[in-house]
N, C-alpha and C. Protein backbone atom coordinates (compact mmCIF):
# COMPACT_ATOMS: atom_id res chain seq x y z
N MET A 1 165.09 -143.18 -54.82
CA MET A 1 165.47 -144.57 -54.63
C MET A 1 164.33 -145.40 -54.04
N GLU A 2 163.49 -144.77 -53.22
CA GLU A 2 162.36 -145.48 -52.63
C GLU A 2 161.41 -145.99 -53.73
N GLN A 3 161.15 -145.15 -54.72
CA GLN A 3 160.29 -145.57 -55.83
C GLN A 3 160.95 -146.69 -56.63
N PHE A 4 162.23 -146.57 -56.90
CA PHE A 4 162.93 -147.59 -57.68
C PHE A 4 162.95 -148.91 -56.92
N ASP A 5 163.16 -148.87 -55.62
CA ASP A 5 163.14 -150.10 -54.83
C ASP A 5 161.76 -150.77 -54.91
N LEU A 6 160.70 -149.97 -54.84
CA LEU A 6 159.35 -150.52 -54.97
C LEU A 6 159.15 -151.11 -56.36
N LEU A 7 159.62 -150.41 -57.38
CA LEU A 7 159.51 -150.93 -58.76
C LEU A 7 160.23 -152.26 -58.88
N ARG A 8 161.43 -152.38 -58.33
CA ARG A 8 162.20 -153.64 -58.42
C ARG A 8 161.42 -154.78 -57.75
N ARG A 9 160.84 -154.53 -56.58
CA ARG A 9 160.06 -155.57 -55.89
C ARG A 9 158.86 -155.97 -56.73
N TYR A 10 158.19 -154.99 -57.32
CA TYR A 10 157.02 -155.24 -58.17
C TYR A 10 157.42 -156.08 -59.39
N LEU A 11 158.47 -155.68 -60.07
CA LEU A 11 158.89 -156.41 -61.27
C LEU A 11 159.31 -157.84 -60.94
N THR A 12 160.02 -158.02 -59.85
CA THR A 12 160.46 -159.36 -59.45
C THR A 12 159.26 -160.25 -59.16
N ALA A 13 158.25 -159.70 -58.49
CA ALA A 13 157.08 -160.50 -58.10
C ALA A 13 156.10 -160.71 -59.24
N ARG A 14 155.92 -159.72 -60.10
CA ARG A 14 154.83 -159.78 -61.08
C ARG A 14 155.30 -159.95 -62.53
N HIS A 15 156.50 -159.53 -62.84
CA HIS A 15 156.96 -159.54 -64.23
C HIS A 15 158.42 -159.99 -64.36
N ALA A 16 158.78 -161.01 -63.62
CA ALA A 16 160.17 -161.45 -63.59
C ALA A 16 160.70 -161.85 -64.97
N GLU A 17 159.83 -162.29 -65.84
CA GLU A 17 160.24 -162.72 -67.18
C GLU A 17 160.01 -161.63 -68.23
N GLY A 18 159.51 -160.46 -67.82
CA GLY A 18 159.16 -159.40 -68.76
C GLY A 18 160.36 -158.59 -69.23
N GLY A 19 160.10 -157.75 -70.18
CA GLY A 19 161.15 -156.92 -70.78
C GLY A 19 161.73 -155.88 -69.85
N MET A 20 161.01 -155.54 -68.78
CA MET A 20 161.51 -154.54 -67.84
C MET A 20 162.22 -155.15 -66.64
N ALA A 21 162.31 -156.46 -66.59
CA ALA A 21 162.85 -157.15 -65.42
C ALA A 21 164.27 -156.72 -65.08
N ASP A 22 165.03 -156.34 -66.07
CA ASP A 22 166.43 -155.95 -65.81
C ASP A 22 166.61 -154.43 -65.79
N MET A 23 165.53 -153.69 -65.55
CA MET A 23 165.60 -152.23 -65.53
C MET A 23 166.58 -151.75 -64.45
N THR A 24 167.44 -150.82 -64.83
CA THR A 24 168.41 -150.24 -63.90
C THR A 24 167.89 -148.90 -63.39
N TRP A 25 168.61 -148.34 -62.42
CA TRP A 25 168.27 -147.03 -61.89
C TRP A 25 168.26 -145.99 -63.02
N HIS A 26 169.25 -146.04 -63.89
CA HIS A 26 169.34 -145.08 -65.00
C HIS A 26 168.18 -145.26 -65.98
N ASP A 27 167.76 -146.51 -66.22
CA ASP A 27 166.59 -146.76 -67.07
C ASP A 27 165.33 -146.14 -66.45
N TYR A 28 165.21 -146.29 -65.14
CA TYR A 28 164.05 -145.74 -64.44
C TYR A 28 164.03 -144.21 -64.54
N VAL A 29 165.17 -143.60 -64.31
CA VAL A 29 165.25 -142.13 -64.41
C VAL A 29 164.88 -141.68 -65.82
N ALA A 30 165.37 -142.40 -66.83
CA ALA A 30 165.05 -142.04 -68.21
C ALA A 30 163.55 -142.19 -68.49
N MET A 31 162.95 -143.26 -67.97
CA MET A 31 161.52 -143.49 -68.18
C MET A 31 160.70 -142.33 -67.58
N VAL A 32 161.14 -141.83 -66.45
CA VAL A 32 160.41 -140.78 -65.75
C VAL A 32 160.71 -139.40 -66.32
N GLU A 33 161.96 -139.14 -66.66
CA GLU A 33 162.35 -137.77 -67.00
C GLU A 33 162.46 -137.48 -68.49
N ASP A 34 162.74 -138.46 -69.31
CA ASP A 34 162.93 -138.23 -70.74
C ASP A 34 161.60 -138.33 -71.47
N THR A 35 160.88 -137.23 -71.53
CA THR A 35 159.57 -137.23 -72.14
C THR A 35 159.32 -135.87 -72.80
N ALA A 36 158.57 -135.89 -73.87
CA ALA A 36 158.25 -134.66 -74.59
C ALA A 36 156.92 -134.06 -74.13
N VAL A 37 156.23 -134.72 -73.20
CA VAL A 37 154.94 -134.24 -72.71
C VAL A 37 155.03 -133.98 -71.21
N ARG A 38 154.01 -133.35 -70.68
CA ARG A 38 153.97 -133.08 -69.24
C ARG A 38 153.70 -134.39 -68.50
N THR A 39 154.64 -134.80 -67.70
CA THR A 39 154.59 -136.08 -67.00
C THR A 39 154.80 -135.85 -65.51
N HIS A 40 154.15 -136.66 -64.71
CA HIS A 40 154.41 -136.61 -63.28
C HIS A 40 154.21 -137.99 -62.65
N LEU A 41 154.74 -138.13 -61.46
CA LEU A 41 154.58 -139.36 -60.68
C LEU A 41 153.64 -139.08 -59.52
N ILE A 42 152.71 -139.98 -59.32
CA ILE A 42 151.82 -139.90 -58.16
C ILE A 42 152.24 -141.01 -57.21
N GLU A 43 152.48 -140.65 -55.97
CA GLU A 43 152.81 -141.64 -54.95
C GLU A 43 151.58 -141.91 -54.10
N TYR A 44 151.39 -143.16 -53.75
CA TYR A 44 150.33 -143.58 -52.84
C TYR A 44 151.01 -144.18 -51.62
N ARG A 45 150.67 -143.65 -50.45
CA ARG A 45 151.32 -144.09 -49.22
C ARG A 45 150.29 -144.63 -48.24
N LEU A 46 150.73 -145.58 -47.44
CA LEU A 46 149.89 -146.11 -46.37
C LEU A 46 149.84 -145.11 -45.23
N PRO A 47 148.77 -145.10 -44.47
CA PRO A 47 148.70 -144.19 -43.32
C PRO A 47 149.81 -144.52 -42.32
N SER A 48 150.32 -143.49 -41.69
CA SER A 48 151.36 -143.67 -40.69
C SER A 48 150.77 -143.41 -39.31
N PRO A 49 151.09 -144.24 -38.33
CA PRO A 49 150.52 -144.05 -36.99
C PRO A 49 150.95 -142.73 -36.35
N ASP A 50 152.12 -142.21 -36.75
CA ASP A 50 152.61 -140.97 -36.13
C ASP A 50 152.23 -139.72 -36.92
N GLY A 51 151.44 -139.88 -37.99
CA GLY A 51 151.00 -138.74 -38.77
C GLY A 51 151.97 -138.29 -39.84
N GLY A 52 153.15 -138.88 -39.89
CA GLY A 52 154.12 -138.54 -40.92
C GLY A 52 153.84 -139.31 -42.19
N PRO A 53 154.74 -139.19 -43.17
CA PRO A 53 154.53 -139.95 -44.41
C PRO A 53 154.63 -141.45 -44.13
N GLY A 54 153.65 -142.18 -44.61
CA GLY A 54 153.64 -143.62 -44.43
C GLY A 54 154.50 -144.31 -45.47
N ASP A 55 154.53 -145.62 -45.41
CA ASP A 55 155.31 -146.41 -46.36
C ASP A 55 154.75 -146.24 -47.77
N LEU A 56 155.64 -146.21 -48.74
CA LEU A 56 155.24 -146.11 -50.13
C LEU A 56 154.55 -147.40 -50.54
N ALA A 57 153.32 -147.31 -51.01
CA ALA A 57 152.53 -148.48 -51.39
C ALA A 57 152.44 -148.66 -52.90
N ALA A 58 152.43 -147.54 -53.64
CA ALA A 58 152.25 -147.62 -55.08
C ALA A 58 152.69 -146.30 -55.73
N CYS A 59 152.94 -146.37 -57.03
CA CYS A 59 153.28 -145.19 -57.83
C CYS A 59 152.64 -145.33 -59.19
N ALA A 60 152.30 -144.18 -59.76
CA ALA A 60 151.80 -144.15 -61.14
C ALA A 60 152.54 -143.06 -61.90
N LEU A 61 153.09 -143.42 -63.04
CA LEU A 61 153.72 -142.48 -63.95
C LEU A 61 152.64 -142.07 -64.95
N VAL A 62 152.35 -140.77 -64.99
CA VAL A 62 151.18 -140.28 -65.73
C VAL A 62 151.59 -139.16 -66.68
N ASP A 63 151.14 -139.27 -67.93
CA ASP A 63 151.27 -138.17 -68.89
C ASP A 63 149.99 -137.36 -68.85
N VAL A 64 150.13 -136.05 -68.81
CA VAL A 64 148.97 -135.16 -68.85
C VAL A 64 148.82 -134.68 -70.29
N LEU A 65 147.73 -135.06 -70.92
CA LEU A 65 147.46 -134.72 -72.31
C LEU A 65 146.37 -133.66 -72.37
N SER A 66 146.15 -133.11 -73.54
CA SER A 66 145.13 -132.06 -73.67
C SER A 66 143.72 -132.59 -73.42
N ASP A 67 143.50 -133.89 -73.64
CA ASP A 67 142.16 -134.44 -73.47
C ASP A 67 142.07 -135.53 -72.40
N GLY A 68 143.13 -135.76 -71.65
CA GLY A 68 143.03 -136.79 -70.63
C GLY A 68 144.34 -137.09 -69.93
N LEU A 69 144.27 -138.07 -69.06
CA LEU A 69 145.44 -138.57 -68.35
C LEU A 69 145.79 -139.93 -68.92
N SER A 70 147.06 -140.13 -69.19
CA SER A 70 147.53 -141.40 -69.73
C SER A 70 148.40 -142.08 -68.69
N LEU A 71 147.92 -143.22 -68.20
CA LEU A 71 148.70 -143.97 -67.22
C LEU A 71 149.79 -144.75 -67.95
N VAL A 72 150.98 -144.21 -67.92
CA VAL A 72 152.11 -144.78 -68.65
C VAL A 72 152.55 -146.09 -68.00
N TYR A 73 152.73 -146.05 -66.69
CA TYR A 73 153.14 -147.26 -65.98
C TYR A 73 152.78 -147.08 -64.51
N SER A 74 152.29 -148.14 -63.90
CA SER A 74 152.03 -148.10 -62.47
C SER A 74 152.60 -149.37 -61.84
N PHE A 75 152.96 -149.23 -60.58
CA PHE A 75 153.54 -150.37 -59.85
C PHE A 75 153.21 -150.19 -58.37
N TYR A 76 153.24 -151.33 -57.66
CA TYR A 76 152.82 -151.29 -56.27
C TYR A 76 153.50 -152.40 -55.49
N ASP A 77 153.37 -152.30 -54.17
CA ASP A 77 153.92 -153.30 -53.26
C ASP A 77 153.19 -154.62 -53.52
N PRO A 78 153.90 -155.65 -53.97
CA PRO A 78 153.24 -156.93 -54.28
C PRO A 78 152.51 -157.53 -53.07
N GLY A 79 152.91 -157.18 -51.87
CA GLY A 79 152.24 -157.68 -50.67
C GLY A 79 150.85 -157.10 -50.49
N LEU A 80 150.53 -156.06 -51.26
CA LEU A 80 149.21 -155.42 -51.16
C LEU A 80 148.28 -155.82 -52.30
N SER A 81 148.67 -156.80 -53.10
CA SER A 81 147.90 -157.11 -54.31
C SER A 81 146.44 -157.48 -54.02
N LYS A 82 146.15 -158.08 -52.88
CA LYS A 82 144.76 -158.45 -52.57
C LYS A 82 143.89 -157.22 -52.33
N ARG A 83 144.51 -156.06 -52.14
CA ARG A 83 143.77 -154.81 -51.93
C ARG A 83 143.51 -154.09 -53.26
N SER A 84 143.92 -154.69 -54.37
CA SER A 84 143.71 -154.15 -55.72
C SER A 84 144.24 -152.73 -55.91
N PRO A 85 145.52 -152.51 -55.62
CA PRO A 85 146.05 -151.15 -55.78
C PRO A 85 146.03 -150.66 -57.23
N GLY A 86 146.16 -151.55 -58.19
CA GLY A 86 146.11 -151.14 -59.59
C GLY A 86 144.75 -150.57 -59.95
N SER A 87 143.69 -151.24 -59.53
CA SER A 87 142.34 -150.74 -59.77
C SER A 87 142.11 -149.44 -59.02
N PHE A 88 142.61 -149.35 -57.80
CA PHE A 88 142.48 -148.12 -57.03
C PHE A 88 143.12 -146.95 -57.77
N MET A 89 144.32 -147.16 -58.32
CA MET A 89 145.00 -146.07 -59.03
C MET A 89 144.21 -145.64 -60.27
N ILE A 90 143.64 -146.60 -60.99
CA ILE A 90 142.84 -146.25 -62.17
C ILE A 90 141.64 -145.42 -61.75
N LEU A 91 140.91 -145.86 -60.74
CA LEU A 91 139.74 -145.13 -60.28
C LEU A 91 140.12 -143.74 -59.76
N ASP A 92 141.25 -143.65 -59.08
CA ASP A 92 141.73 -142.35 -58.61
C ASP A 92 142.01 -141.42 -59.79
N HIS A 93 142.55 -141.96 -60.87
CA HIS A 93 142.83 -141.12 -62.04
C HIS A 93 141.56 -140.74 -62.80
N VAL A 94 140.54 -141.56 -62.72
CA VAL A 94 139.24 -141.15 -63.28
C VAL A 94 138.74 -139.92 -62.52
N ILE A 95 138.87 -139.95 -61.20
CA ILE A 95 138.46 -138.81 -60.37
C ILE A 95 139.31 -137.59 -60.69
N GLN A 96 140.64 -137.78 -60.81
CA GLN A 96 141.53 -136.66 -61.12
C GLN A 96 141.21 -136.05 -62.49
N ALA A 97 140.97 -136.90 -63.48
CA ALA A 97 140.64 -136.40 -64.82
C ALA A 97 139.34 -135.61 -64.77
N ARG A 98 138.35 -136.14 -64.11
CA ARG A 98 137.06 -135.46 -64.01
C ARG A 98 137.23 -134.11 -63.31
N SER A 99 138.01 -134.07 -62.23
CA SER A 99 138.24 -132.82 -61.50
C SER A 99 138.94 -131.78 -62.37
N ALA A 100 139.80 -132.23 -63.28
CA ALA A 100 140.53 -131.33 -64.16
C ALA A 100 139.76 -131.00 -65.44
N GLY A 101 138.55 -131.57 -65.58
CA GLY A 101 137.74 -131.32 -66.77
C GLY A 101 138.25 -132.07 -68.00
N LEU A 102 138.96 -133.16 -67.77
CA LEU A 102 139.49 -133.96 -68.87
C LEU A 102 138.58 -135.16 -69.12
N PRO A 103 138.19 -135.42 -70.36
CA PRO A 103 137.20 -136.46 -70.62
C PRO A 103 137.72 -137.90 -70.64
N TYR A 104 139.05 -138.10 -70.71
CA TYR A 104 139.55 -139.46 -70.90
C TYR A 104 140.64 -139.83 -69.90
N VAL A 105 140.68 -141.13 -69.62
CA VAL A 105 141.81 -141.77 -68.93
C VAL A 105 142.26 -142.89 -69.85
N TYR A 106 143.49 -142.79 -70.28
CA TYR A 106 144.05 -143.79 -71.18
C TYR A 106 144.81 -144.83 -70.35
N LEU A 107 144.46 -146.09 -70.54
CA LEU A 107 145.08 -147.16 -69.77
C LEU A 107 146.25 -147.81 -70.50
N GLY A 108 146.56 -147.37 -71.67
CA GLY A 108 147.71 -147.90 -72.40
C GLY A 108 147.36 -149.14 -73.18
N TYR A 109 148.39 -149.83 -73.61
CA TYR A 109 148.21 -151.01 -74.44
C TYR A 109 147.38 -152.06 -73.74
N TRP A 110 146.56 -152.73 -74.53
CA TRP A 110 145.75 -153.84 -74.02
C TRP A 110 145.80 -154.95 -75.05
N VAL A 111 146.09 -156.14 -74.60
CA VAL A 111 146.10 -157.32 -75.46
C VAL A 111 145.02 -158.25 -74.93
N SER A 112 143.97 -158.45 -75.72
CA SER A 112 142.88 -159.32 -75.32
C SER A 112 143.41 -160.72 -75.03
N GLY A 113 143.00 -161.28 -73.90
CA GLY A 113 143.42 -162.62 -73.53
C GLY A 113 144.71 -162.66 -72.73
N SER A 114 145.40 -161.53 -72.58
CA SER A 114 146.62 -161.48 -71.80
C SER A 114 146.26 -161.41 -70.32
N ASP A 115 146.68 -162.40 -69.56
CA ASP A 115 146.37 -162.42 -68.13
C ASP A 115 146.83 -161.15 -67.43
N LYS A 116 147.95 -160.60 -67.87
CA LYS A 116 148.51 -159.42 -67.21
C LYS A 116 147.86 -158.12 -67.66
N MET A 117 147.05 -158.16 -68.71
CA MET A 117 146.41 -156.95 -69.20
C MET A 117 144.89 -157.00 -69.16
N ASP A 118 144.33 -158.13 -68.88
CA ASP A 118 142.86 -158.27 -68.92
C ASP A 118 142.13 -157.38 -67.92
N TYR A 119 142.81 -156.95 -66.86
CA TYR A 119 142.16 -156.08 -65.90
C TYR A 119 141.64 -154.81 -66.57
N LYS A 120 142.27 -154.36 -67.63
CA LYS A 120 141.86 -153.13 -68.30
C LYS A 120 140.45 -153.25 -68.89
N ALA A 121 140.07 -154.45 -69.29
CA ALA A 121 138.75 -154.66 -69.90
C ALA A 121 137.62 -154.55 -68.88
N ARG A 122 137.94 -154.53 -67.58
CA ARG A 122 136.91 -154.39 -66.55
C ARG A 122 136.40 -152.96 -66.44
N PHE A 123 137.13 -152.01 -67.01
CA PHE A 123 136.75 -150.61 -66.90
C PHE A 123 135.99 -150.20 -68.15
N ARG A 124 134.77 -149.70 -67.94
CA ARG A 124 133.89 -149.38 -69.06
C ARG A 124 133.37 -147.96 -68.94
N PRO A 125 133.05 -147.34 -70.04
CA PRO A 125 133.11 -147.88 -71.40
C PRO A 125 134.56 -148.02 -71.85
N LEU A 126 134.81 -149.01 -72.66
CA LEU A 126 136.16 -149.31 -73.15
C LEU A 126 136.21 -148.98 -74.63
N GLU A 127 137.12 -148.11 -74.97
CA GLU A 127 137.33 -147.77 -76.37
C GLU A 127 138.71 -148.25 -76.77
N VAL A 128 138.84 -148.66 -78.02
CA VAL A 128 140.13 -149.09 -78.54
C VAL A 128 140.45 -148.28 -79.80
N LEU A 129 141.74 -148.06 -79.99
CA LEU A 129 142.18 -147.33 -81.18
C LEU A 129 142.46 -148.34 -82.29
N LYS A 130 141.70 -148.22 -83.34
CA LYS A 130 141.83 -149.08 -84.52
C LYS A 130 142.34 -148.22 -85.68
N PRO A 131 142.70 -148.82 -86.79
CA PRO A 131 143.18 -148.01 -87.92
C PRO A 131 142.20 -146.91 -88.35
N GLY A 132 140.91 -147.10 -88.15
CA GLY A 132 139.93 -146.09 -88.52
C GLY A 132 139.64 -145.08 -87.42
N GLY A 133 140.30 -145.19 -86.29
CA GLY A 133 140.09 -144.28 -85.16
C GLY A 133 139.57 -145.01 -83.94
N TRP A 134 139.17 -144.24 -82.93
CA TRP A 134 138.66 -144.80 -81.69
C TRP A 134 137.26 -145.35 -81.88
N ARG A 135 137.00 -146.53 -81.27
CA ARG A 135 135.64 -147.07 -81.33
C ARG A 135 135.36 -147.84 -80.04
N LEU A 136 134.09 -147.82 -79.68
CA LEU A 136 133.63 -148.51 -78.48
C LEU A 136 133.74 -150.02 -78.71
N LEU A 137 134.29 -150.70 -77.73
CA LEU A 137 134.44 -152.15 -77.81
C LEU A 137 133.22 -152.81 -77.19
N SER A 138 132.62 -153.72 -77.92
CA SER A 138 131.44 -154.42 -77.42
C SER A 138 131.85 -155.49 -76.42
N ALA A 139 130.91 -155.92 -75.60
CA ALA A 139 131.18 -156.95 -74.60
C ALA A 139 131.67 -158.25 -75.24
N SER A 140 131.16 -158.59 -76.41
CA SER A 140 131.57 -159.84 -77.06
C SER A 140 133.01 -159.77 -77.57
N GLU A 141 133.54 -158.60 -77.74
CA GLU A 141 134.92 -158.45 -78.22
C GLU A 141 135.94 -158.47 -77.09
N ARG A 142 135.47 -158.41 -75.86
CA ARG A 142 136.39 -158.37 -74.72
C ARG A 142 136.85 -159.73 -74.44
């Protein structure tokens, strides 16, 4: 429930008009558990003064593939947005993929010019899947 509560706060603050805005608890459970691939959730917590688990700051739903990690969906405490938790999670998954000997981190769908997706173009090298296969995206195409 702690993760779902964080997701609801994130969706309300960042994607109130989006397709996931009305996501229910059962929808969340299905998103996390109904998968044909190896999937896991990574929790990011703030430090706690007493040494116990701190407040939940962010979560990433990740598929583990044979050649990389695919960030299916990530969400975070909207009050922490100035600390760039989304970028932190991506960089953390680059480290995790490298540690596991996996060559790729997949950031999911990207729509050029979309304010909510443009952050993905900041991570390089950037490859996109086109009808002919994967290809490196040039700076002028971003």
